């Protein structure tokens, strides 16, 4: 249920292949943000470093959650 009291409608129609493909894309994008961070660091661009770090950390959570969804061993709780 949403915070405004409305029910959330879920379809549960994602395939394991779609979830695995999303994981691959998320890992690739996370790695790209790591490279962006290193490049910005070399240029001493603190704003770009901050953006890259924020996006990298967000994608770490996405990757962990997708791995948890797929039942990967060692991922007990994606929120910790």
N, C-alpha and C. Protein backbone atom coordinates (compact mmCIF):
# COMPACT_ATOMS: atom_id res chain seq x y z
N UNK A 1 0.84 -1.17 0.00
CA UNK A 1 0.00 0.00 0.00
C UNK A 1 0.89 1.24 0.00
N UNK A 2 0.54 2.22 -0.81
CA UNK A 2 1.27 3.48 -0.86
C UNK A 2 0.98 4.30 0.37
N UNK A 3 1.82 5.30 0.63
CA UNK A 3 1.64 6.13 1.81
C UNK A 3 0.35 6.94 1.77
N UNK A 4 -0.23 7.12 0.58
CA UNK A 4 -1.49 7.87 0.49
C UNK A 4 -2.71 6.96 0.63
N UNK A 5 -2.50 5.68 0.94
CA UNK A 5 -3.60 4.76 1.18
C UNK A 5 -4.03 3.96 -0.03
N UNK A 6 -3.51 4.28 -1.21
CA UNK A 6 -3.88 3.54 -2.42
C UNK A 6 -3.06 2.26 -2.51
N UNK A 7 -3.67 1.21 -3.01
CA UNK A 7 -2.98 -0.07 -3.18
C UNK A 7 -2.04 0.00 -4.38
N UNK A 8 -0.91 -0.67 -4.25
CA UNK A 8 0.05 -0.78 -5.35
C UNK A 8 -0.31 -2.02 -6.16
N UNK A 9 -0.42 -1.84 -7.46
CA UNK A 9 -0.75 -2.97 -8.34
C UNK A 9 0.54 -3.54 -8.91
N UNK A 10 0.81 -4.80 -8.65
CA UNK A 10 1.99 -5.48 -9.15
C UNK A 10 1.57 -6.60 -10.09
N UNK A 11 2.36 -6.79 -11.15
CA UNK A 11 2.01 -7.82 -12.13
C UNK A 11 2.77 -9.12 -11.91
N UNK A 12 3.94 -9.04 -11.29
CA UNK A 12 4.78 -10.23 -11.08
C UNK A 12 5.03 -10.97 -12.39
N UNK A 13 5.24 -10.22 -13.47
CA UNK A 13 5.43 -10.88 -14.76
C UNK A 13 6.84 -10.72 -15.32
N UNK A 14 7.79 -10.36 -14.48
CA UNK A 14 9.18 -10.29 -14.93
C UNK A 14 9.76 -11.71 -14.99
N UNK A 15 10.53 -11.97 -16.03
CA UNK A 15 11.18 -13.28 -16.13
C UNK A 15 12.55 -13.21 -15.45
N UNK A 16 13.07 -14.38 -15.13
CA UNK A 16 14.41 -14.43 -14.54
C UNK A 16 15.42 -13.85 -15.51
N UNK A 17 15.22 -14.06 -16.80
CA UNK A 17 16.12 -13.52 -17.82
C UNK A 17 16.11 -11.99 -17.81
N UNK A 18 14.92 -11.41 -17.64
CA UNK A 18 14.82 -9.95 -17.57
C UNK A 18 15.55 -9.42 -16.34
N UNK A 19 15.40 -10.10 -15.23
CA UNK A 19 16.06 -9.67 -14.00
C UNK A 19 17.57 -9.80 -14.14
N UNK A 20 18.04 -10.90 -14.72
CA UNK A 20 19.48 -11.08 -14.93
C UNK A 20 20.04 -10.05 -15.91
N UNK A 21 19.27 -9.72 -16.94
CA UNK A 21 19.70 -8.69 -17.89
C UNK A 21 19.79 -7.33 -17.19
N UNK A 22 18.83 -7.05 -16.32
CA UNK A 22 18.86 -5.79 -15.57
C UNK A 22 20.07 -5.75 -14.66
N UNK A 23 20.42 -6.87 -14.04
CA UNK A 23 21.60 -6.95 -13.18
C UNK A 23 22.86 -6.66 -14.01
N UNK A 24 22.96 -7.24 -15.17
CA UNK A 24 24.11 -6.99 -16.04
C UNK A 24 24.22 -5.51 -16.39
N UNK A 25 23.09 -4.91 -16.75
CA UNK A 25 23.08 -3.47 -17.08
C UNK A 25 23.44 -2.62 -15.88
N UNK A 26 22.91 -2.97 -14.71
CA UNK A 26 23.19 -2.21 -13.49
C UNK A 26 24.68 -2.29 -13.13
N UNK A 27 25.26 -3.48 -13.27
CA UNK A 27 26.69 -3.64 -12.96
C UNK A 27 27.54 -2.83 -13.93
N UNK A 28 27.18 -2.85 -15.20
CA UNK A 28 27.91 -2.09 -16.20
C UNK A 28 27.82 -0.59 -15.93
N UNK A 29 26.63 -0.13 -15.64
CA UNK A 29 26.43 1.29 -15.36
C UNK A 29 27.17 1.70 -14.10
N UNK A 30 27.15 0.84 -13.08
CA UNK A 30 27.89 1.11 -11.83
C UNK A 30 29.38 1.25 -12.13
N UNK A 31 29.91 0.34 -12.95
CA UNK A 31 31.32 0.41 -13.33
C UNK A 31 31.64 1.68 -14.11
N UNK A 32 30.71 2.10 -14.97
CA UNK A 32 30.92 3.35 -15.71
C UNK A 32 30.98 4.54 -14.77
N UNK A 33 30.15 4.55 -13.73
CA UNK A 33 30.19 5.64 -12.76
C UNK A 33 31.50 5.63 -11.97
N UNK A 34 32.04 4.44 -11.72
CA UNK A 34 33.34 4.35 -11.05
C UNK A 34 34.41 5.01 -11.92
N UNK A 35 34.37 4.73 -13.22
CA UNK A 35 35.32 5.34 -14.15
C UNK A 35 35.14 6.86 -14.21
N UNK A 36 33.87 7.29 -14.22
CA UNK A 36 33.58 8.73 -14.22
C UNK A 36 34.15 9.40 -12.97
N UNK A 37 34.01 8.72 -11.83
CA UNK A 37 34.55 9.26 -10.58
C UNK A 37 36.07 9.42 -10.68
N UNK A 38 36.75 8.38 -11.16
CA UNK A 38 38.21 8.43 -11.28
C UNK A 38 38.64 9.53 -12.25
N UNK A 39 37.93 9.68 -13.34
CA UNK A 39 38.25 10.73 -14.31
C UNK A 39 38.06 12.11 -13.68
N UNK A 40 36.94 12.30 -12.99
CA UNK A 40 36.68 13.58 -12.33
C UNK A 40 37.72 13.87 -11.26
N UNK A 41 38.15 12.82 -10.57
CA UNK A 41 39.18 12.97 -9.54
C UNK A 41 40.49 13.46 -10.16
N UNK A 42 40.84 12.88 -11.31
CA UNK A 42 42.05 13.31 -12.02
C UNK A 42 41.97 14.77 -12.41
N UNK A 43 40.76 15.22 -12.75
CA UNK A 43 40.55 16.61 -13.16
C UNK A 43 40.30 17.54 -11.97
N UNK A 44 40.24 16.95 -10.76
CA UNK A 44 39.94 17.69 -9.54
C UNK A 44 38.59 18.41 -9.62
N UNK A 45 37.62 17.74 -10.26
CA UNK A 45 36.27 18.28 -10.41
C UNK A 45 35.38 17.70 -9.32
N UNK A 46 35.27 18.43 -8.22
CA UNK A 46 34.56 17.91 -7.04
C UNK A 46 33.07 17.71 -7.30
N UNK A 47 32.44 18.57 -8.07
CA UNK A 47 31.01 18.40 -8.35
C UNK A 47 30.77 17.11 -9.14
N UNK A 48 31.60 16.87 -10.15
CA UNK A 48 31.45 15.65 -10.94
C UNK A 48 31.77 14.42 -10.10
N UNK A 49 32.76 14.53 -9.21
CA UNK A 49 33.08 13.42 -8.31
C UNK A 49 31.89 13.09 -7.41
N UNK A 50 31.25 14.13 -6.90
CA UNK A 50 30.10 13.95 -6.02
C UNK A 50 28.96 13.26 -6.77
N UNK A 51 28.67 13.71 -7.98
CA UNK A 51 27.61 13.10 -8.79
C UNK A 51 27.92 11.63 -9.08
N UNK A 52 29.16 11.37 -9.47
CA UNK A 52 29.55 10.00 -9.81
C UNK A 52 29.47 9.10 -8.58
N UNK A 53 29.94 9.59 -7.45
CA UNK A 53 29.90 8.79 -6.22
C UNK A 53 28.47 8.49 -5.80
N UNK A 54 27.60 9.48 -5.90
CA UNK A 54 26.19 9.29 -5.53
C UNK A 54 25.53 8.23 -6.43
N UNK A 55 25.76 8.34 -7.73
CA UNK A 55 25.17 7.38 -8.66
C UNK A 55 25.76 5.98 -8.50
N UNK A 56 27.05 5.91 -8.23
CA UNK A 56 27.71 4.63 -7.99
C UNK A 56 27.09 3.95 -6.78
N UNK A 57 26.94 4.69 -5.68
CA UNK A 57 26.38 4.11 -4.45
C UNK A 57 24.93 3.67 -4.66
N UNK A 58 24.17 4.44 -5.40
CA UNK A 58 22.78 4.05 -5.69
C UNK A 58 22.75 2.74 -6.46
N UNK A 59 23.63 2.61 -7.43
CA UNK A 59 23.65 1.38 -8.22
C UNK A 59 24.19 0.20 -7.42
N UNK A 60 25.01 0.44 -6.41
CA UNK A 60 25.41 -0.66 -5.52
C UNK A 60 24.17 -1.27 -4.88
N UNK A 61 23.25 -0.42 -4.45
CA UNK A 61 22.00 -0.90 -3.86
C UNK A 61 21.14 -1.65 -4.86
N UNK A 62 21.08 -1.15 -6.07
CA UNK A 62 20.31 -1.82 -7.13
C UNK A 62 20.89 -3.21 -7.39
N UNK A 63 22.21 -3.28 -7.54
CA UNK A 63 22.87 -4.56 -7.81
C UNK A 63 22.63 -5.54 -6.68
N UNK A 64 22.78 -5.08 -5.45
CA UNK A 64 22.57 -5.97 -4.30
C UNK A 64 21.13 -6.47 -4.24
N UNK A 65 20.18 -5.60 -4.52
CA UNK A 65 18.77 -6.00 -4.49
C UNK A 65 18.46 -7.00 -5.60
N UNK A 66 19.00 -6.79 -6.79
CA UNK A 66 18.77 -7.73 -7.89
C UNK A 66 19.41 -9.09 -7.58
N UNK A 67 20.60 -9.06 -7.00
CA UNK A 67 21.24 -10.32 -6.62
C UNK A 67 20.41 -11.05 -5.56
N UNK A 68 19.87 -10.30 -4.61
CA UNK A 68 19.00 -10.88 -3.59
C UNK A 68 17.75 -11.48 -4.23
N UNK A 69 17.17 -10.76 -5.16
CA UNK A 69 15.98 -11.23 -5.88
C UNK A 69 16.26 -12.55 -6.59
N UNK A 70 17.45 -12.67 -7.16
CA UNK A 70 17.83 -13.89 -7.87
C UNK A 70 18.26 -15.01 -6.93
N UNK A 71 18.31 -14.72 -5.63
CA UNK A 71 18.65 -15.75 -4.66
C UNK A 71 20.13 -16.05 -4.55
N UNK A 72 20.97 -15.07 -4.89
CA UNK A 72 22.41 -15.28 -4.83
C UNK A 72 22.85 -15.54 -3.38
N UNK A 73 23.68 -16.53 -3.22
CA UNK A 73 24.18 -16.86 -1.87
C UNK A 73 25.00 -15.70 -1.33
N UNK A 74 24.87 -15.47 -0.03
CA UNK A 74 25.64 -14.41 0.61
C UNK A 74 24.90 -13.09 0.70
N UNK A 75 23.79 -12.96 -0.01
CA UNK A 75 22.99 -11.73 0.05
C UNK A 75 21.78 -12.05 0.93
N UNK A 76 21.94 -11.85 2.23
CA UNK A 76 20.88 -12.19 3.18
C UNK A 76 19.82 -11.09 3.21
N UNK A 77 20.26 -9.84 3.22
CA UNK A 77 19.35 -8.71 3.34
C UNK A 77 19.89 -7.56 2.49
N UNK A 78 19.20 -7.19 1.43
CA UNK A 78 19.72 -6.12 0.56
C UNK A 78 19.72 -4.75 1.24
N UNK A 79 19.07 -4.63 2.38
CA UNK A 79 19.03 -3.33 3.06
C UNK A 79 20.16 -3.14 4.07
N UNK A 80 20.98 -4.17 4.23
CA UNK A 80 22.07 -4.01 5.20
C UNK A 80 23.41 -3.92 4.49
